[in-house]
Amino acid sequence: MTGLADTADATHGRGLLLVRLCADNWGGYPLTDHHSGTSGKLLWFELTPQRDTFDIAA
């Protein structure tokens, strides 16, 4: 069983956590090619730029 300390010190496995924390919207779809026997996932996410970011650059 993995404890909270183990999770906090992990060096991998945070990708979807970061997407969930930063994305405005996200989701995924299973991908399967029955002819070749391959499978995988399509993951997508949407980010909305913050208005303040563009005001600073202008």
PDB file of N, CA and C in Angstrom:
ATOM      1  N   MET A   1       0.848  -1.186   0.000  1.00  0.00           N
ATOM      2  CA  MET A   1       0.000   0.000   0.000  1.00  0.00           C
ATOM      3  C   MET A   1       0.886   1.239   0.000  1.00  0.00           C
ATOM      4  N   THR A   2       0.553   2.224  -0.825  1.00  0.00           N
ATOM      5  CA  THR A   2       1.338   3.447  -0.936  1.00  0.00           C
ATOM      6  C   THR A   2       0.804   4.485   0.037  1.00  0.00           C
ATOM      7  N   GLY A   3       1.712   5.057   0.833  1.00  0.00           N
ATOM      8  CA  GLY A   3       1.312   6.091   1.771  1.00  0.00           C
ATOM      9  C   GLY A   3       1.398   7.463   1.136  1.00  0.00           C
ATOM     10  N   LEU A   4       0.901   8.472   1.824  1.00  0.00           N
ATOM     11  CA  LEU A   4       0.922   9.838   1.321  1.00  0.00           C
ATOM     12  C   LEU A   4       2.347  10.330   1.111  1.00  0.00           C
ATOM     13  N   ALA A   5       3.261   9.975   2.006  1.00  0.00           N
ATOM     14  CA  ALA A   5       4.660  10.404   1.869  1.00  0.00           C
ATOM     15  C   ALA A   5       5.279   9.808   0.610  1.00  0.00           C
ATOM     16  N   ASP A   6       4.966   8.536   0.313  1.00  0.00           N
ATOM     17  CA  ASP A   6       5.485   7.907  -0.900  1.00  0.00           C
ATOM     18  C   ASP A   6       4.987   8.627  -2.139  1.00  0.00           C
ATOM     19  N   THR A   7       3.729   9.018  -2.141  1.00  0.00           N
ATOM     20  CA  THR A   7       3.149   9.715  -3.278  1.00  0.00           C
ATOM     21  C   THR A   7       3.778  11.092  -3.453  1.00  0.00           C
ATOM     22  N   ALA A   8       3.991  11.807  -2.378  1.00  0.00           N
ATOM     23  CA  ALA A   8       4.561  13.155  -2.448  1.00  0.00           C
ATOM     24  C   ALA A   8       5.994  13.133  -2.955  1.00  0.00           C
ATOM     25  N   ASP A   9       6.736  12.066  -2.672  1.00  0.00           N
ATOM     26  CA  ASP A   9       8.137  11.969  -3.087  1.00  0.00           C
ATOM     27  C   ASP A   9       8.316  11.265  -4.426  1.00  0.00           C
ATOM     28  N   ALA A  10       7.234  10.810  -5.043  1.00  0.00           N
ATOM     29  CA  ALA A  10       7.331  10.062  -6.295  1.00  0.00           C
ATOM     30  C   ALA A  10       7.950  10.918  -7.394  1.00  0.00           C
ATOM     31  N   THR A  11       8.699  10.275  -8.276  1.00  0.00           N
ATOM     32  CA  THR A  11       9.321  10.981  -9.394  1.00  0.00           C
ATOM     33  C   THR A  11       8.589  10.736 -10.704  1.00  0.00           C
ATOM     34  N   HIS A  12       7.479  10.014 -10.676  1.00  0.00           N
ATOM     35  CA  HIS A  12       6.685   9.760 -11.879  1.00  0.00           C
ATOM     36  C   HIS A  12       5.229   9.557 -11.483  1.00  0.00           C
ATOM     37  N   GLY A  13       4.350   9.557 -12.473  1.00  0.00           N
ATOM     38  CA  GLY A  13       2.947   9.276 -12.219  1.00  0.00           C
ATOM     39  C   GLY A  13       2.100  10.483 -11.844  1.00  0.00           C
ATOM     40  N   ARG A  14       2.595  11.692 -12.079  1.00  0.00           N
ATOM     41  CA  ARG A  14       1.833  12.884 -11.725  1.00  0.00           C
ATOM     42  C   ARG A  14       1.189  13.566 -12.924  1.00  0.00           C
ATOM     43  N   GLY A  15       1.353  13.038 -14.106  1.00  0.00           N
ATOM     44  CA  GLY A  15       0.868  13.698 -15.314  1.00  0.00           C
ATOM     45  C   GLY A  15      -0.602  14.045 -15.287  1.00  0.00           C
ATOM     46  N   LEU A  16      -1.454  13.070 -15.004  1.00  0.00           N
ATOM     47  CA  LEU A  16      -2.890  13.344 -14.991  1.00  0.00           C
ATOM     48  C   LEU A  16      -3.284  14.221 -13.812  1.00  0.00           C
ATOM     49  N   LEU A  17      -2.575  14.123 -12.706  1.00  0.00           N
ATOM     50  CA  LEU A  17      -2.848  15.006 -11.580  1.00  0.00           C
ATOM     51  C   LEU A  17      -2.591  16.451 -11.985  1.00  0.00           C
ATOM     52  N   LEU A  18      -1.496  16.716 -12.671  1.00  0.00           N
ATOM     53  CA  LEU A  18      -1.194  18.075 -13.123  1.00  0.00           C
ATOM     54  C   LEU A  18      -2.228  18.568 -14.118  1.00  0.00           C
ATOM     55  N   VAL A  19      -2.660  17.699 -15.016  1.00  0.00           N
ATOM     56  CA  VAL A  19      -3.706  18.081 -15.975  1.00  0.00           C
ATOM     57  C   VAL A  19      -4.982  18.434 -15.226  1.00  0.00           C
ATOM     58  N   ARG A  20      -5.391  17.616 -14.269  1.00  0.00           N
ATOM     59  CA  ARG A  20      -6.616  17.880 -13.510  1.00  0.00           C
ATOM     60  C   ARG A  20      -6.533  19.191 -12.743  1.00  0.00           C
ATOM     61  N   LEU A  21      -5.354  19.509 -12.216  1.00  0.00           N
ATOM     62  CA  LEU A  21      -5.195  20.737 -11.439  1.00  0.00           C
ATOM     63  C   LEU A  21      -5.165  21.986 -12.310  1.00  0.00           C
ATOM     64  N   CYS A  22      -4.603  21.892 -13.507  1.00  0.00           N
ATOM     65  CA  CYS A  22      -4.378  23.071 -14.348  1.00  0.00           C
ATOM     66  C   CYS A  22      -5.418  23.268 -15.444  1.00  0.00           C
ATOM     67  N   ALA A  23      -6.027  22.211 -15.919  1.00  0.00           N
ATOM     68  CA  ALA A  23      -6.920  22.306 -17.071  1.00  0.00           C
ATOM     69  C   ALA A  23      -8.302  22.811 -16.674  1.00  0.00           C
ATOM     70  N   ASP A  24      -8.904  23.561 -17.582  1.00  0.00           N
ATOM     71  CA  ASP A  24     -10.272  24.010 -17.401  1.00  0.00           C
ATOM     72  C   ASP A  24     -11.264  22.900 -17.750  1.00  0.00           C
ATOM     73  N   ASN A  25     -10.861  22.008 -18.623  1.00  0.00           N
ATOM     74  CA  ASN A  25     -11.690  20.894 -19.036  1.00  0.00           C
ATOM     75  C   ASN A  25     -10.765  19.806 -19.548  1.00  0.00           C
ATOM     76  N   TRP A  26     -11.089  18.548 -19.309  1.00  0.00           N
ATOM     77  CA  TRP A  26     -10.258  17.458 -19.807  1.00  0.00           C
ATOM     78  C   TRP A  26     -11.079  16.188 -19.908  1.00  0.00           C
ATOM     79  N   GLY A  27     -10.556  15.220 -20.650  1.00  0.00           N
ATOM     80  CA  GLY A  27     -11.239  13.948 -20.795  1.00  0.00           C
ATOM     81  C   GLY A  27     -10.376  12.968 -21.562  1.00  0.00           C
ATOM     82  N   GLY A  28     -10.922  11.807 -21.847  1.00  0.00           N
ATOM     83  CA  GLY A  28     -10.174  10.788 -22.566  1.00  0.00           C
ATOM     84  C   GLY A  28     -11.101   9.796 -23.238  1.00  0.00           C
ATOM     85  N   TYR A  29     -10.552   9.113 -24.219  1.00  0.00           N
ATOM     86  CA  TYR A  29     -11.289   8.112 -24.969  1.00  0.00           C
ATOM     87  C   TYR A  29     -10.398   6.895 -25.172  1.00  0.00           C
ATOM     88  N   PRO A  30     -10.939   5.701 -25.034  1.00  0.00           N
ATOM     89  CA  PRO A  30     -10.147   4.504 -25.344  1.00  0.00           C
ATOM     90  C   PRO A  30      -9.971   4.371 -26.858  1.00  0.00           C
ATOM     91  N   LEU A  31      -8.812   3.948 -27.276  1.00  0.00           N
ATOM     92  CA  LEU A  31      -8.532   3.702 -28.690  1.00  0.00           C
ATOM     93  C   LEU A  31      -8.180   2.231 -28.860  1.00  0.00           C
ATOM     94  N   THR A  32      -8.814   1.573 -29.787  1.00  0.00           N
ATOM     95  CA  THR A  32      -8.537   0.170 -30.050  1.00  0.00           C
ATOM     96  C   THR A  32      -8.575  -0.073 -31.544  1.00  0.00           C
ATOM     97  N   ASP A  33      -7.559  -0.754 -32.044  1.00  0.00           N
ATOM     98  CA  ASP A  33      -7.532  -1.182 -33.442  1.00  0.00           C
ATOM     99  C   ASP A  33      -7.642  -2.704 -33.432  1.00  0.00           C
ATOM    100  N   HIS A  34      -8.846  -3.201 -33.707  1.00  0.00           N
ATOM    101  CA  HIS A  34      -9.093  -4.635 -33.626  1.00  0.00           C
ATOM    102  C   HIS A  34      -8.289  -5.417 -34.659  1.00  0.00           C
ATOM    103  N   HIS A  35      -7.949  -4.785 -35.781  1.00  0.00           N
ATOM    104  CA  HIS A  35      -7.219  -5.485 -36.835  1.00  0.00           C
ATOM    105  C   HIS A  35      -5.772  -5.744 -36.433  1.00  0.00           C
ATOM    106  N   SER A  36      -5.134  -4.784 -35.787  1.00  0.00           N
ATOM    107  CA  SER A  36      -3.733  -4.972 -35.400  1.00  0.00           C
ATOM    108  C   SER A  36      -3.574  -5.420 -33.953  1.00  0.00           C
ATOM    109  N   GLY A  37      -4.665  -5.375 -33.170  1.00  0.00           N
ATOM    110  CA  GLY A  37      -4.607  -5.802 -31.780  1.00  0.00           C
ATOM    111  C   GLY A  37      -3.994  -4.776 -30.841  1.00  0.00           C
ATOM    112  N   THR A  38      -3.855  -3.526 -31.296  1.00  0.00           N
ATOM    113  CA  THR A  38      -3.272  -2.487 -30.454  1.00  0.00           C
ATOM    114  C   THR A  38      -4.373  -1.709 -29.740  1.00  0.00           C
ATOM    115  N   SER A  39      -4.007  -1.115 -28.628  1.00  0.00           N
ATOM    116  CA  SER A  39      -4.952  -0.290 -27.901  1.00  0.00           C
ATOM    117  C   SER A  39      -4.196   0.820 -27.188  1.00  0.00           C
ATOM    118  N   GLY A  40      -4.923   1.807 -26.752  1.00  0.00           N
ATOM    119  CA  GLY A  40      -4.327   2.927 -26.049  1.00  0.00           C
ATOM    120  C   GLY A  40      -5.408   3.892 -25.618  1.00  0.00           C
ATOM    121  N   LYS A  41      -5.014   5.133 -25.355  1.00  0.00           N
ATOM    122  CA  LYS A  41      -5.955   6.166 -24.930  1.00  0.00           C
ATOM    123  C   LYS A  41      -5.646   7.465 -25.650  1.00  0.00           C
ATOM    124  N   LEU A  42      -6.672   8.220 -25.922  1.00  0.00           N
ATOM    125  CA  LEU A  42      -6.541   9.584 -26.398  1.00  0.00           C
ATOM    126  C   LEU A  42      -6.963  10.479 -25.243  1.00  0.00           C
ATOM    127  N   LEU A  43      -6.059  11.288 -24.746  1.00  0.00           N
ATOM    128  CA  LEU A  43      -6.364  12.225 -23.666  1.00  0.00           C
ATOM    129  C   LEU A  43      -6.321  13.626 -24.224  1.00  0.00           C
ATOM    130  N   TRP A  44      -7.244  14.487 -23.788  1.00  0.00           N
ATOM    131  CA  TRP A  44      -7.286  15.868 -24.257  1.00  0.00           C
ATOM    132  C   TRP A  44      -7.524  16.780 -23.065  1.00  0.00           C
ATOM    133  N   PHE A  45      -7.117  18.042 -23.230  1.00  0.00           N
ATOM    134  CA  PHE A  45      -7.376  19.032 -22.194  1.00  0.00           C
ATOM    135  C   PHE A  45      -7.477  20.406 -22.820  1.00  0.00           C
ATOM    136  N   GLU A  46      -8.155  21.306 -22.130  1.00  0.00           N
ATOM    137  CA  GLU A  46      -8.324  22.684 -22.584  1.00  0.00           C
ATOM    138  C   GLU A  46      -7.790  23.626 -21.515  1.00  0.00           C
ATOM    139  N   LEU A  47      -7.024  24.610 -21.943  1.00  0.00           N
ATOM    140  CA  LEU A  47      -6.512  25.646 -21.053  1.00  0.00           C
ATOM    141  C   LEU A  47      -7.038  26.988 -21.524  1.00  0.00           C
ATOM    142  N   THR A  48      -7.532  27.795 -20.622  1.00  0.00           N
ATOM    143  CA  THR A  48      -7.999  29.134 -20.944  1.00  0.00           C
ATOM    144  C   THR A  48      -6.940  30.125 -20.483  1.00  0.00           C
ATOM    145  N   PRO A  49      -6.410  30.932 -21.400  1.00  0.00           N
ATOM    146  CA  PRO A  49      -5.393  31.907 -20.977  1.00  0.00           C
ATOM    147  C   PRO A  49      -5.980  32.914 -19.991  1.00  0.00           C
ATOM    148  N   GLN A  50      -5.199  33.277 -19.027  1.00  0.00           N
ATOM    149  CA  GLN A  50      -5.625  34.268 -18.050  1.00  0.00           C
ATOM    150  C   GLN A  50      -5.456  35.661 -18.637  1.00  0.00           C
ATOM    151  N   ARG A  51      -6.412  36.507 -18.439  1.00  0.00           N
ATOM    152  CA  ARG A  51      -6.390  37.870 -18.990  1.00  0.00           C
ATOM    153  C   ARG A  51      -5.172  38.646 -18.499  1.00  0.00           C
ATOM    154  N   ASP A  52      -4.801  38.493 -17.230  1.00  0.00           N
ATOM    155  CA  ASP A  52      -3.666  39.222 -16.654  1.00  0.00           C
ATOM    156  C   ASP A  52      -2.358  38.921 -17.380  1.00  0.00           C
ATOM    157  N   THR A  53      -2.185  37.695 -17.857  1.00  0.00           N
ATOM    158  CA  THR A  53      -0.958  37.297 -18.548  1.00  0.00           C
ATOM    159  C   THR A  53      -0.752  38.149 -19.795  1.00  0.00           C
ATOM    160  N   PHE A  54      -1.810  38.398 -20.543  1.00  0.00           N
ATOM    161  CA  PHE A  54      -1.693  39.171 -21.770  1.00  0.00           C
ATOM    162  C   PHE A  54      -1.569  40.665 -21.489  1.00  0.00           C
ATOM    163  N   ASP A  55      -2.159  41.142 -20.407  1.00  0.00           N
ATOM    164  CA  ASP A  55      -2.022  42.547 -20.053  1.00  0.00           C
ATOM    165  C   ASP A  55      -0.578  42.898 -19.703  1.00  0.00           C
ATOM    166  N   ILE A  56       0.122  41.994 -19.048  1.00  0.00           N
ATOM    167  CA  ILE A  56       1.526  42.225 -18.673  1.00  0.00           C
ATOM    168  C   ILE A  56       2.397  42.273 -19.924  1.00  0.00           C
ATOM    169  N   ALA A  57       2.127  41.406 -20.894  1.00  0.00           N
ATOM    170  CA  ALA A  57       2.942  41.326 -22.100  1.00  0.00           C
ATOM    171  C   ALA A  57       2.699  42.524 -23.032  1.00  0.00           C
ATOM    172  N   ALA A  58       1.548  43.158 -22.929  1.00  0.00           N
ATOM    173  CA  ALA A  58       1.198  44.248 -23.867  1.00  0.00           C
ATOM    174  C   ALA A  58       1.871  45.533 -23.544  1.00  0.00           C
TER     175      ALA A  58
END
